[in-house]
Amino acid sequence: QVQLVESGGGLVQAGGSLRLSCAASGRTVTFATVAWFRRTPGNERDFVAAISWNGGRINYTDPVKGRFTISRDNAKNTVFLQMDSLNPDDTAIYYCAADFRMSWALVGKDNEYDFWGQGTQVTVSS
């Protein structure tokens, strides 16, 4: 089993930055695809970004391209999401997810991931 714990959320003004962390325990996620999703009230979880096990493949949803950067440190069993130029539309609960058998073509599908964190709130004020 893998336990994922997100941190780094908070309240920030529009134009500001936050860096989210997803720390894994219980089993290394070195060989897992890890992704970030976000959910706003009343909506489904939306894909934000994903990174392959060695960082060789990265994918972003269009609204965050050029503003968010996903990265990973396998030695620390941690994946990061650097979020710059935040705007109020980025306000959501952010979740990280991991899977060891992910087909890259399906990285945007939340039901393909076996392991999830509890989420961290990001609020961007205007």
N, C-alpha and C. Protein backbone atom coordinates (compact mmCIF):
# COMPACT_ATOMS: atom_id res chain seq x y z
N GLN A 1 0.82 -1.19 0.00
CA GLN A 1 0.00 0.00 0.00
C GLN A 1 0.86 1.25 0.00
N VAL A 2 0.28 2.31 -0.50
CA VAL A 2 0.95 3.60 -0.55
C VAL A 2 0.08 4.62 0.16
N GLN A 3 0.69 5.38 1.04
CA GLN A 3 0.00 6.50 1.66
C GLN A 3 0.58 7.79 1.07
N LEU A 4 -0.31 8.66 0.64
CA LEU A 4 0.09 9.93 0.04
C LEU A 4 -0.41 11.07 0.93
N VAL A 5 0.46 12.02 1.20
CA VAL A 5 0.09 13.16 2.02
C VAL A 5 0.49 14.44 1.30
N GLU A 6 -0.51 15.26 0.99
CA GLU A 6 -0.25 16.54 0.35
C GLU A 6 -0.02 17.62 1.40
N SER A 7 0.78 18.59 1.03
CA SER A 7 1.00 19.75 1.88
C SER A 7 1.36 20.94 1.00
N GLY A 8 1.34 22.11 1.61
CA GLY A 8 1.75 23.31 0.89
C GLY A 8 0.62 24.20 0.43
N GLY A 9 -0.63 23.76 0.64
CA GLY A 9 -1.74 24.61 0.27
C GLY A 9 -1.87 25.81 1.19
N GLY A 10 -2.77 26.70 0.82
CA GLY A 10 -2.99 27.88 1.65
C GLY A 10 -3.71 28.96 0.89
N LEU A 11 -3.69 30.15 1.46
CA LEU A 11 -4.34 31.32 0.88
C LEU A 11 -3.27 32.21 0.26
N VAL A 12 -3.49 32.61 -0.98
CA VAL A 12 -2.53 33.45 -1.67
C VAL A 12 -3.29 34.45 -2.55
N GLN A 13 -2.70 35.59 -2.77
CA GLN A 13 -3.32 36.58 -3.64
C GLN A 13 -3.09 36.23 -5.11
N ALA A 14 -3.97 36.69 -5.95
CA ALA A 14 -3.81 36.47 -7.38
C ALA A 14 -2.44 36.97 -7.83
N GLY A 15 -1.81 36.17 -8.67
CA GLY A 15 -0.46 36.47 -9.13
C GLY A 15 0.63 35.84 -8.29
N GLY A 16 0.25 35.30 -7.16
CA GLY A 16 1.22 34.69 -6.26
C GLY A 16 1.54 33.25 -6.62
N SER A 17 2.34 32.62 -5.77
CA SER A 17 2.82 31.26 -6.01
C SER A 17 2.64 30.39 -4.78
N LEU A 18 2.50 29.12 -5.04
CA LEU A 18 2.51 28.10 -4.00
C LEU A 18 3.23 26.88 -4.54
N ARG A 19 3.81 26.12 -3.63
CA ARG A 19 4.44 24.87 -4.02
C ARG A 19 3.82 23.75 -3.21
N LEU A 20 3.13 22.86 -3.90
CA LEU A 20 2.53 21.71 -3.24
C LEU A 20 3.50 20.54 -3.24
N SER A 21 3.44 19.76 -2.18
CA SER A 21 4.23 18.54 -2.07
C SER A 21 3.32 17.35 -1.86
N CYS A 22 3.72 16.23 -2.41
CA CYS A 22 3.00 14.97 -2.23
C CYS A 22 4.04 13.97 -1.75
N ALA A 23 3.99 13.65 -0.47
CA ALA A 23 4.97 12.74 0.13
C ALA A 23 4.36 11.35 0.24
N ALA A 24 5.09 10.37 -0.23
CA ALA A 24 4.61 8.99 -0.21
C ALA A 24 5.30 8.21 0.90
N SER A 25 4.56 7.30 1.47
CA SER A 25 5.12 6.39 2.47
C SER A 25 4.47 5.02 2.30
N GLY A 26 5.05 4.05 2.93
CA GLY A 26 4.52 2.69 2.88
C GLY A 26 5.09 1.87 1.75
N ARG A 27 5.33 2.51 0.64
CA ARG A 27 5.89 1.86 -0.53
C ARG A 27 6.46 2.96 -1.41
N THR A 28 7.62 2.71 -1.97
CA THR A 28 8.19 3.73 -2.82
C THR A 28 7.32 3.96 -4.06
N VAL A 29 7.24 5.22 -4.45
CA VAL A 29 6.51 5.54 -5.68
C VAL A 29 7.48 5.79 -6.83
N THR A 30 8.71 5.34 -6.65
CA THR A 30 9.74 5.57 -7.66
C THR A 30 9.27 5.13 -9.04
N PHE A 31 8.54 4.02 -9.10
CA PHE A 31 8.14 3.48 -10.40
C PHE A 31 6.68 3.75 -10.72
N ALA A 32 6.10 4.71 -10.03
CA ALA A 32 4.69 5.03 -10.24
C ALA A 32 4.55 6.30 -11.05
N THR A 33 3.50 6.35 -11.83
CA THR A 33 3.05 7.62 -12.40
C THR A 33 2.31 8.37 -11.29
N VAL A 34 2.63 9.64 -11.14
CA VAL A 34 1.98 10.45 -10.11
C VAL A 34 1.34 11.66 -10.78
N ALA A 35 0.15 11.99 -10.33
CA ALA A 35 -0.59 13.09 -10.92
C ALA A 35 -1.18 13.98 -9.84
N TRP A 36 -1.51 15.18 -10.25
CA TRP A 36 -2.28 16.11 -9.42
C TRP A 36 -3.65 16.33 -10.08
N PHE A 37 -4.66 16.29 -9.24
CA PHE A 37 -6.02 16.64 -9.65
C PHE A 37 -6.52 17.74 -8.73
N ARG A 38 -7.60 18.39 -9.13
CA ARG A 38 -8.21 19.39 -8.25
C ARG A 38 -9.72 19.31 -8.36
N ARG A 39 -10.36 19.69 -7.26
CA ARG A 39 -11.81 19.65 -7.20
C ARG A 39 -12.34 20.94 -6.61
N THR A 40 -13.33 21.51 -7.28
CA THR A 40 -14.05 22.65 -6.74
C THR A 40 -15.42 22.17 -6.27
N PRO A 41 -16.07 22.90 -5.36
CA PRO A 41 -17.35 22.45 -4.80
C PRO A 41 -18.37 22.14 -5.88
N GLY A 42 -18.97 20.97 -5.77
CA GLY A 42 -20.01 20.56 -6.70
C GLY A 42 -19.51 20.00 -8.01
N ASN A 43 -18.21 19.91 -8.15
CA ASN A 43 -17.65 19.42 -9.41
C ASN A 43 -16.84 18.16 -9.22
N GLU A 44 -16.54 17.52 -10.33
CA GLU A 44 -15.70 16.34 -10.31
C GLU A 44 -14.24 16.76 -10.14
N ARG A 45 -13.41 15.77 -9.90
CA ARG A 45 -11.96 16.03 -9.87
C ARG A 45 -11.47 16.24 -11.30
N ASP A 46 -10.75 17.31 -11.48
CA ASP A 46 -10.19 17.62 -12.79
C ASP A 46 -8.68 17.38 -12.80
N PHE A 47 -8.21 16.85 -13.88
CA PHE A 47 -6.79 16.60 -14.05
C PHE A 47 -6.02 17.92 -14.12
N VAL A 48 -4.86 17.95 -13.47
CA VAL A 48 -4.01 19.14 -13.51
C VAL A 48 -2.69 18.83 -14.21
N ALA A 49 -1.97 17.80 -13.70
CA ALA A 49 -0.66 17.49 -14.26
C ALA A 49 -0.28 16.07 -13.88
N ALA A 50 0.60 15.47 -14.65
CA ALA A 50 1.10 14.13 -14.36
C ALA A 50 2.56 14.03 -14.76
N ILE A 51 3.26 13.13 -14.07
CA ILE A 51 4.67 12.90 -14.36
C ILE A 51 4.94 11.41 -14.31
N SER A 52 5.68 10.93 -15.28
CA SER A 52 6.02 9.51 -15.32
C SER A 52 7.07 9.19 -14.26
N TRP A 53 7.35 7.91 -14.11
CA TRP A 53 8.19 7.48 -12.99
C TRP A 53 9.59 8.10 -13.02
N ASN A 54 10.11 8.34 -14.21
CA ASN A 54 11.47 8.90 -14.28
C ASN A 54 11.47 10.36 -14.73
N GLY A 55 10.28 10.94 -14.80
CA GLY A 55 10.19 12.34 -15.21
C GLY A 55 10.31 12.55 -16.70
N GLY A 56 10.39 11.45 -17.44
CA GLY A 56 10.59 11.58 -18.87
C GLY A 56 9.36 12.02 -19.62
N ARG A 57 8.22 11.82 -19.01
CA ARG A 57 6.95 12.26 -19.61
C ARG A 57 6.21 13.14 -18.62
N ILE A 58 5.72 14.24 -19.11
CA ILE A 58 4.96 15.18 -18.30
C ILE A 58 3.78 15.67 -19.14
N ASN A 59 2.67 15.85 -18.46
CA ASN A 59 1.47 16.32 -19.15
C ASN A 59 0.75 17.32 -18.25
N TYR A 60 0.21 18.37 -18.85
CA TYR A 60 -0.53 19.39 -18.12
C TYR A 60 -1.87 19.63 -18.80
N THR A 61 -2.86 19.99 -18.01
CA THR A 61 -4.09 20.48 -18.59
C THR A 61 -3.84 21.88 -19.14
N ASP A 62 -4.54 22.24 -20.19
CA ASP A 62 -4.25 23.50 -20.88
C ASP A 62 -4.30 24.74 -19.98
N PRO A 63 -5.27 24.86 -19.06
CA PRO A 63 -5.35 26.09 -18.25
C PRO A 63 -4.14 26.36 -17.37
N VAL A 64 -3.30 25.35 -17.11
CA VAL A 64 -2.16 25.57 -16.22
C VAL A 64 -0.83 25.55 -16.96
N LYS A 65 -0.85 25.27 -18.24
CA LYS A 65 0.40 25.23 -19.00
C LYS A 65 1.10 26.58 -18.95
N GLY A 66 2.38 26.54 -18.68
CA GLY A 66 3.16 27.76 -18.59
C GLY A 66 3.13 28.40 -17.22
N ARG A 67 2.27 27.93 -16.33
CA ARG A 67 2.17 28.48 -14.97
C ARG A 67 2.53 27.46 -13.91
N PHE A 68 2.19 26.20 -14.13
CA PHE A 68 2.46 25.14 -13.16
C PHE A 68 3.59 24.26 -13.67
N THR A 69 4.36 23.73 -12.71
CA THR A 69 5.44 22.81 -13.05
C THR A 69 5.40 21.63 -12.10
N ILE A 70 5.30 20.44 -12.67
CA ILE A 70 5.33 19.22 -11.86
C ILE A 70 6.74 18.65 -11.90
N SER A 71 7.20 18.14 -10.78
CA SER A 71 8.53 17.54 -10.71
C SER A 71 8.51 16.47 -9.62
N ARG A 72 9.57 15.70 -9.57
CA ARG A 72 9.63 14.66 -8.55
C ARG A 72 11.06 14.45 -8.10
N ASP A 73 11.17 14.01 -6.86
CA ASP A 73 12.46 13.64 -6.26
C ASP A 73 12.28 12.22 -5.75
N ASN A 74 12.69 11.27 -6.55
CA ASN A 74 12.46 9.87 -6.16
C ASN A 74 13.27 9.47 -4.93
N ALA A 75 14.38 10.11 -4.71
CA ALA A 75 15.17 9.81 -3.51
C ALA A 75 14.39 10.18 -2.25
N LYS A 76 13.52 11.18 -2.36
CA LYS A 76 12.71 11.62 -1.23
C LYS A 76 11.29 11.10 -1.31
N ASN A 77 11.00 10.31 -2.35
CA ASN A 77 9.66 9.75 -2.50
C ASN A 77 8.59 10.84 -2.50
N THR A 78 8.89 11.93 -3.18
CA THR A 78 8.03 13.11 -3.15
C THR A 78 7.85 13.68 -4.55
N VAL A 79 6.64 14.15 -4.81
CA VAL A 79 6.33 14.83 -6.06
C VAL A 79 5.86 16.24 -5.72
N PHE A 80 6.23 17.19 -6.55
CA PHE A 80 5.94 18.60 -6.29
C PHE A 80 5.07 19.19 -7.40
N LEU A 81 4.34 20.22 -7.04
CA LEU A 81 3.61 21.01 -8.03
C LEU A 81 3.88 22.48 -7.71
N GLN A 82 4.73 23.09 -8.52
CA GLN A 82 5.00 24.51 -8.38
C GLN A 82 3.94 25.27 -9.14
N MET A 83 3.24 26.15 -8.45
CA MET A 83 2.13 26.89 -9.06
C MET A 83 2.45 28.37 -9.03
N ASP A 84 2.62 28.95 -10.18
CA ASP A 84 2.93 30.37 -10.31
C ASP A 84 1.78 31.09 -11.02
N SER A 85 1.79 32.41 -10.91
CA SER A 85 0.76 33.24 -11.55
C SER A 85 -0.64 32.71 -11.26
N LEU A 86 -0.87 32.43 -10.01
CA LEU A 86 -2.16 31.87 -9.61
C LEU A 86 -3.28 32.88 -9.83
N ASN A 87 -4.44 32.37 -10.15
CA ASN A 87 -5.62 33.21 -10.29
C ASN A 87 -6.79 32.56 -9.56
N PRO A 88 -7.86 33.30 -9.32
CA PRO A 88 -8.97 32.74 -8.52
C PRO A 88 -9.56 31.45 -9.10
N ASP A 89 -9.43 31.23 -10.39
CA ASP A 89 -9.94 29.99 -10.98
C ASP A 89 -9.15 28.76 -10.54
N ASP A 90 -7.99 28.98 -9.95
CA ASP A 90 -7.18 27.87 -9.45
C ASP A 90 -7.61 27.43 -8.06
N THR A 91 -8.53 28.15 -7.45
CA THR A 91 -9.00 27.80 -6.12
C THR A 91 -9.68 26.43 -6.16
N ALA A 92 -9.21 25.51 -5.32
CA ALA A 92 -9.72 24.14 -5.32
C ALA A 92 -9.02 23.36 -4.22
N ILE A 93 -9.51 22.16 -4.00
CA ILE A 93 -8.76 21.19 -3.21
C ILE A 93 -7.89 20.40 -4.19
N TYR A 94 -6.62 20.34 -3.90
CA TYR A 94 -5.68 19.66 -4.78
C TYR A 94 -5.31 18.30 -4.19
N TYR A 95 -5.39 17.28 -5.03
CA TYR A 95 -5.10 15.91 -4.63
C TYR A 95 -3.96 15.36 -5.46
N CYS A 96 -3.12 14.56 -4.83
CA CYS A 96 -2.17 13.81 -5.62
C CYS A 96 -2.63 12.35 -5.68
N ALA A 97 -2.25 11.69 -6.75
CA ALA A 97 -2.65 10.31 -6.99
C ALA A 97 -1.49 9.56 -7.61
N ALA A 98 -1.43 8.26 -7.36
CA ALA A 98 -0.34 7.45 -7.89
C ALA A 98 -0.88 6.11 -8.39
N ASP A 99 -0.19 5.62 -9.39
CA ASP A 99 -0.54 4.29 -9.90
C ASP A 99 0.70 3.67 -10.52
N PHE A 100 0.82 2.36 -10.36
CA PHE A 100 2.01 1.65 -10.84
C PHE A 100 1.80 1.00 -12.20
N ARG A 101 0.58 0.99 -12.68
CA ARG A 101 0.32 0.29 -13.95
C ARG A 101 -0.30 1.21 -14.98
N MET A 102 -0.12 2.50 -14.76
CA MET A 102 -0.79 3.50 -15.58
C MET A 102 -0.32 3.47 -17.03
N SER A 103 -1.26 3.44 -17.92
CA SER A 103 -0.95 3.70 -19.32
C SER A 103 -0.93 5.21 -19.51
N TRP A 104 0.13 5.71 -20.11
CA TRP A 104 0.28 7.15 -20.22
C TRP A 104 -0.91 7.79 -20.93
N ALA A 105 -1.53 7.09 -21.82
CA ALA A 105 -2.69 7.63 -22.54
C ALA A 105 -3.87 7.91 -21.60
N LEU A 106 -3.83 7.35 -20.39
CA LEU A 106 -4.96 7.49 -19.47
C LEU A 106 -4.63 8.36 -18.26
N VAL A 107 -3.54 9.09 -18.29
CA VAL A 107 -3.11 9.83 -17.09
C VAL A 107 -4.13 10.86 -16.63
N GLY A 108 -4.98 11.31 -17.50
CA GLY A 108 -5.97 12.30 -17.12
C GLY A 108 -7.24 11.74 -16.52
N LYS A 109 -7.32 10.43 -16.40
CA LYS A 109 -8.53 9.77 -15.91
C LYS A 109 -8.39 9.44 -14.43
N ASP A 110 -9.15 10.09 -13.58
CA ASP A 110 -8.96 9.90 -12.14
C ASP A 110 -9.28 8.48 -11.70
N ASN A 111 -10.19 7.79 -12.39
CA ASN A 111 -10.54 6.44 -11.96
C ASN A 111 -9.48 5.41 -12.31
N GLU A 112 -8.41 5.82 -12.94
CA GLU A 112 -7.30 4.91 -13.25
C GLU A 112 -6.27 4.84 -12.12
N TYR A 113 -6.39 5.69 -11.13
CA TYR A 113 -5.38 5.75 -10.07
C TYR A 113 -5.83 4.95 -8.85
N ASP A 114 -4.91 4.18 -8.30
CA ASP A 114 -5.23 3.35 -7.15
C ASP A 114 -5.04 4.06 -5.82
N PHE A 115 -4.16 5.03 -5.76
CA PHE A 115 -3.79 5.63 -4.47
C PHE A 115 -4.01 7.14 -4.53
N TRP A 116 -4.60 7.64 -3.44
CA TRP A 116 -4.94 9.06 -3.36
C TRP A 116 -4.56 9.64 -2.01
N GLY A 117 -4.20 10.91 -2.03
CA GLY A 117 -4.02 11.64 -0.78
C GLY A 117 -5.34 12.24 -0.33
N GLN A 118 -5.28 12.93 0.82
CA GLN A 118 -6.50 13.49 1.42
C GLN A 118 -6.82 14.87 0.87
N GLY A 119 -5.88 15.49 0.18
CA GLY A 119 -6.12 16.79 -0.43
C GLY A 119 -5.59 17.94 0.40
N THR A 120 -5.28 19.03 -0.28
CA THR A 120 -4.87 20.26 0.39
C THR A 120 -5.58 21.42 -0.29
N GLN A 121 -6.09 22.34 0.53
CA GLN A 121 -6.88 23.45 0.00
C GLN A 121 -5.97 24.56 -0.52
N VAL A 122 -6.27 25.01 -1.71
CA VAL A 122 -5.61 26.18 -2.29
C VAL A 122 -6.69 27.22 -2.56
N THR A 123 -6.50 28.40 -1.99
CA THR A 123 -7.45 29.49 -2.18
C THR A 123 -6.70 30.71 -2.71
N VAL A 124 -7.17 31.21 -3.84
CA VAL A 124 -6.54 32.37 -4.48
C VAL A 124 -7.53 33.52 -4.44
N SER A 125 -7.14 34.58 -3.75
CA SER A 125 -8.01 35.75 -3.64
C SER A 125 -7.72 36.75 -4.76
N SER A 126 -8.76 37.45 -5.15
CA SER A 126 -8.60 38.42 -6.25
C SER A 126 -8.19 39.79 -5.73
